[in-house]
Structures are given as C-alpha cells and as structure tokens.
C-alpha cells in the first residue's frame, strides 16, 4: 500500500509564504516523477509544478518566479516553496507521484487527498 500525505497548507496573507510537503510512504521500491496540482472552486485541476526523477522541472506560467519545487529522494518527499502568494493562488493543492511499488507492478500514479491553501487579500 502506497500513500501520499500532504502537509503545510493553511491561511496566509497576500505576499506571504508557505511550504508544502508531500511524503510518499508504504511499500515503495522507488518514487519517480512528482508534482503539485491545484484546484480552485469552479475551476479545473491544473499543474503547478512537476519534477522528474532526474531533476527536470517545469512550472505553470502563473507561478514561475514565485514557487520552487524540490525533492528529497531519500525521503520520497517533494516540496513546494510558495513565495509572494496571491489571492488567486487559493486552492486545494494535490500531490501526485509516479511510484514503483514493491512487487511486480510497474509505475503507478498516486494522489494525495489535498491540502487547502488560502491567501487573503
């Protein structure tokens, strides 16, 4: 069983910062690509940032220069440092990971339950 657990969401004023963490746990052989997505009320879920197992990174245009994604492979954890937050960043942020479970199964997509980020004006 593999789980992704997000943490670090909360309420912050515009211009402030938050750091989100997502730890993959369970019977994991390796964790490959990981990413952060977000979904605001009435909007589709969108990619925020993505990092491959080799360290290649891409960001949504809306967060470039403000957010930084990183990972700790030893801990199967991905982080999202969010600076200069804006009210439009308010959303539920979801962690996604491509994980190789222990056993014969190849890569599988896993999703966390989400953590709410609210940015007040």
C-alpha atoms as a PDB file:
ATOM      1  CA  UNK A   1       0.000   0.000   0.000  1.00  0.00           C
ATOM      2  CA  UNK A   2       1.306   3.424  -1.013  1.00  0.00           C
ATOM      3  CA  UNK A   3       0.063   6.710   0.373  1.00  0.00           C
ATOM      4  CA  UNK A   4       0.859  10.337  -0.340  1.00  0.00           C
ATOM      5  CA  UNK A   5       0.324  12.719   2.541  1.00  0.00           C
ATOM      6  CA  UNK A   6       0.445  16.473   2.034  1.00  0.00           C
ATOM      7  CA  UNK A   7       1.110  18.989   4.749  1.00  0.00           C
ATOM      8  CA  UNK A   8       1.831  22.673   5.097  1.00  0.00           C
ATOM      9  CA  UNK A   9      -1.344  24.249   3.822  1.00  0.00           C
ATOM     10  CA  UNK A  10      -3.076  26.990   5.696  1.00  0.00           C
ATOM     11  CA  UNK A  11      -4.113  30.598   5.714  1.00  0.00           C
ATOM     12  CA  UNK A  12      -1.652  33.281   4.728  1.00  0.00           C
ATOM     13  CA  UNK A  13      -1.857  36.916   3.729  1.00  0.00           C
ATOM     14  CA  UNK A  14      -1.023  38.074   0.243  1.00  0.00           C
ATOM     15  CA  UNK A  15       2.705  38.419  -0.147  1.00  0.00           C
ATOM     16  CA  UNK A  16       3.411  35.727   2.387  1.00  0.00           C
ATOM     17  CA  UNK A  17       4.934  32.298   2.010  1.00  0.00           C
ATOM     18  CA  UNK A  18       4.080  28.686   2.662  1.00  0.00           C
ATOM     19  CA  UNK A  19       5.950  25.465   2.149  1.00  0.00           C
ATOM     20  CA  UNK A  20       4.031  22.366   1.196  1.00  0.00           C
ATOM     21  CA  UNK A  21       5.401  18.898   1.755  1.00  0.00           C
ATOM     22  CA  UNK A  22       4.291  15.587   0.350  1.00  0.00           C
ATOM     23  CA  UNK A  23       5.697  12.329   1.609  1.00  0.00           C
ATOM     24  CA  UNK A  24       5.162   9.043  -0.142  1.00  0.00           C
ATOM     25  CA  UNK A  25       5.090   6.099   2.202  1.00  0.00           C
ATOM     26  CA  UNK A  26       4.356   2.415   2.123  1.00  0.00           C
ATOM     27  CA  UNK A  27       5.807  -0.448   0.152  1.00  0.00           C
ATOM     28  CA  UNK A  28       7.802   1.680  -2.265  1.00  0.00           C
ATOM     29  CA  UNK A  29      10.589   0.499  -4.481  1.00  0.00           C
ATOM     30  CA  UNK A  30      11.247   3.942  -5.906  1.00  0.00           C
ATOM     31  CA  UNK A  31       9.496   7.242  -6.460  1.00  0.00           C
ATOM     32  CA  UNK A  32       9.927   8.781  -9.870  1.00  0.00           C
ATOM     33  CA  UNK A  33       8.234  11.932 -11.136  1.00  0.00           C
ATOM     34  CA  UNK A  34       6.396  14.003  -8.537  1.00  0.00           C
ATOM     35  CA  UNK A  35       4.322  17.095  -8.871  1.00  0.00           C
ATOM     36  CA  UNK A  36       1.873  19.535  -7.409  1.00  0.00           C
ATOM     37  CA  UNK A  37      -1.527  20.330  -8.830  1.00  0.00           C
ATOM     38  CA  UNK A  38      -4.194  22.664  -7.582  1.00  0.00           C
ATOM     39  CA  UNK A  39      -7.890  23.109  -7.977  1.00  0.00           C
ATOM     40  CA  UNK A  40      -9.837  26.208  -7.083  1.00  0.00           C
ATOM     41  CA  UNK A  41     -13.623  26.199  -6.722  1.00  0.00           C
ATOM     42  CA  UNK A  42     -15.265  26.199 -10.125  1.00  0.00           C
ATOM     43  CA  UNK A  43     -12.006  25.563 -11.959  1.00  0.00           C
ATOM     44  CA  UNK A  44     -10.294  22.523 -13.383  1.00  0.00           C
ATOM     45  CA  UNK A  45      -7.339  20.955 -11.683  1.00  0.00           C
ATOM     46  CA  UNK A  46      -4.148  22.384 -13.099  1.00  0.00           C
ATOM     47  CA  UNK A  47      -0.477  21.589 -12.961  1.00  0.00           C
ATOM     48  CA  UNK A  48       1.504  23.844 -10.659  1.00  0.00           C
ATOM     49  CA  UNK A  49       4.953  22.283 -10.769  1.00  0.00           C
ATOM     50  CA  UNK A  50       6.485  18.990 -11.738  1.00  0.00           C
ATOM     51  CA  UNK A  51       9.863  17.393 -11.120  1.00  0.00           C
ATOM     52  CA  UNK A  52      11.141  14.224 -12.720  1.00  0.00           C
ATOM     53  CA  UNK A  53      13.274  11.608 -11.076  1.00  0.00           C
ATOM     54  CA  UNK A  54      16.242  13.110 -12.872  1.00  0.00           C
ATOM     55  CA  UNK A  55      15.519  16.588 -11.558  1.00  0.00           C
ATOM     56  CA  UNK A  56      13.971  18.216 -14.614  1.00  0.00           C
ATOM     57  CA  UNK A  57      11.427  20.823 -13.541  1.00  0.00           C
ATOM     58  CA  UNK A  58       8.570  22.650 -15.132  1.00  0.00           C
ATOM     59  CA  UNK A  59       6.187  25.234 -13.691  1.00  0.00           C
ATOM     60  CA  UNK A  60       2.909  26.729 -14.627  1.00  0.00           C
ATOM     61  CA  UNK A  61       3.436  30.186 -16.074  1.00  0.00           C
ATOM     62  CA  UNK A  62       1.347  31.676 -13.288  1.00  0.00           C
ATOM     63  CA  UNK A  63       3.801  30.582 -10.592  1.00  0.00           C
ATOM     64  CA  UNK A  64       7.158  30.956 -12.313  1.00  0.00           C
ATOM     65  CA  UNK A  65       9.500  33.071 -10.262  1.00  0.00           C
ATOM     66  CA  UNK A  66       7.419  32.637  -7.123  1.00  0.00           C
ATOM     67  CA  UNK A  67       7.222  28.894  -6.463  1.00  0.00           C
ATOM     68  CA  UNK A  68      10.032  26.380  -6.208  1.00  0.00           C
ATOM     69  CA  UNK A  69       9.641  22.630  -6.351  1.00  0.00           C
ATOM     70  CA  UNK A  70      12.270  20.340  -4.884  1.00  0.00           C
ATOM     71  CA  UNK A  71      12.572  16.784  -3.693  1.00  0.00           C
ATOM     72  CA  UNK A  72      14.389  14.611  -1.222  1.00  0.00           C
ATOM     73  CA  UNK A  73      14.718  11.234  -2.854  1.00  0.00           C
ATOM     74  CA  UNK A  74      15.926   9.561   0.327  1.00  0.00           C
ATOM     75  CA  UNK A  75      12.657  10.538   1.996  1.00  0.00           C
ATOM     76  CA  UNK A  76      10.405  10.093  -1.042  1.00  0.00           C
ATOM     77  CA  UNK A  77       9.257  13.622  -0.392  1.00  0.00           C
ATOM     78  CA  UNK A  78       8.504  16.550  -2.659  1.00  0.00           C
ATOM     79  CA  UNK A  79       8.253  20.160  -1.519  1.00  0.00           C
ATOM     80  CA  UNK A  80       6.684  23.264  -2.906  1.00  0.00           C
ATOM     81  CA  UNK A  81       8.019  26.540  -1.583  1.00  0.00           C
ATOM     82  CA  UNK A  82       5.461  29.214  -2.344  1.00  0.00           C
ATOM     83  CA  UNK A  83       6.538  32.827  -2.042  1.00  0.00           C
ATOM     84  CA  UNK A  84       4.815  36.090  -2.895  1.00  0.00           C
ATOM     85  CA  UNK A  85       1.462  34.385  -2.608  1.00  0.00           C
ATOM     86  CA  UNK A  86      -1.525  35.966  -4.276  1.00  0.00           C
ATOM     87  CA  UNK A  87      -5.241  35.528  -3.595  1.00  0.00           C
ATOM     88  CA  UNK A  88      -5.547  33.754  -6.931  1.00  0.00           C
ATOM     89  CA  UNK A  89      -3.255  31.036  -5.560  1.00  0.00           C
ATOM     90  CA  UNK A  90      -6.067  29.979  -3.235  1.00  0.00           C
ATOM     91  CA  UNK A  91      -6.888  26.356  -3.996  1.00  0.00           C
ATOM     92  CA  UNK A  92      -6.647  22.819  -2.777  1.00  0.00           C
ATOM     93  CA  UNK A  93      -3.168  21.632  -3.612  1.00  0.00           C
ATOM     94  CA  UNK A  94      -2.722  17.987  -4.507  1.00  0.00           C
ATOM     95  CA  UNK A  95       0.435  15.959  -4.575  1.00  0.00           C
ATOM     96  CA  UNK A  96       0.965  13.498  -7.397  1.00  0.00           C
ATOM     97  CA  UNK A  97       3.663  10.887  -7.729  1.00  0.00           C
ATOM     98  CA  UNK A  98       4.618   8.113 -10.068  1.00  0.00           C
ATOM     99  CA  UNK A  99       5.680   5.297  -7.786  1.00  0.00           C
ATOM    100  CA  UNK A 100       7.131   1.864  -8.328  1.00  0.00           C
ATOM    101  CA  UNK A 101       5.625  -0.282  -5.564  1.00  0.00           C
ATOM    102  CA  UNK A 102       7.500  -3.228  -4.172  1.00  0.00           C
ATOM    103  CA  UNK A 103       6.498  -6.194  -6.269  1.00  0.00           C
ATOM    104  CA  UNK A 104       5.852  -6.896  -9.929  1.00  0.00           C
ATOM    105  CA  UNK A 105       3.799  -3.776 -10.667  1.00  0.00           C
ATOM    106  CA  UNK A 106       5.459  -1.051 -12.693  1.00  0.00           C
ATOM    107  CA  UNK A 107       4.935   2.689 -12.279  1.00  0.00           C
ATOM    108  CA  UNK A 108       1.578   3.801 -10.926  1.00  0.00           C
ATOM    109  CA  UNK A 109       0.060   7.210 -10.363  1.00  0.00           C
ATOM    110  CA  UNK A 110      -0.833   8.142  -6.805  1.00  0.00           C
ATOM    111  CA  UNK A 111      -2.616  11.193  -5.484  1.00  0.00           C
ATOM    112  CA  UNK A 112      -2.767  12.755  -2.077  1.00  0.00           C
ATOM    113  CA  UNK A 113      -6.004  13.942  -0.542  1.00  0.00           C
ATOM    114  CA  UNK A 114      -5.045  17.587  -0.874  1.00  0.00           C
ATOM    115  CA  UNK A 115      -4.181  20.444   1.420  1.00  0.00           C
ATOM    116  CA  UNK A 116      -6.006  23.758   1.379  1.00  0.00           C
ATOM    117  CA  UNK A 117      -4.095  26.952   0.772  1.00  0.00           C
ATOM    118  CA  UNK A 118      -5.998  30.160   1.373  1.00  0.00           C
ATOM    119  CA  UNK A 119      -4.431  33.501   0.555  1.00  0.00           C
ATOM    120  CA  UNK A 120      -6.230  36.534   1.900  1.00  0.00           C
ATOM    121  CA  UNK A 121      -6.036  39.957   0.305  1.00  0.00           C
END
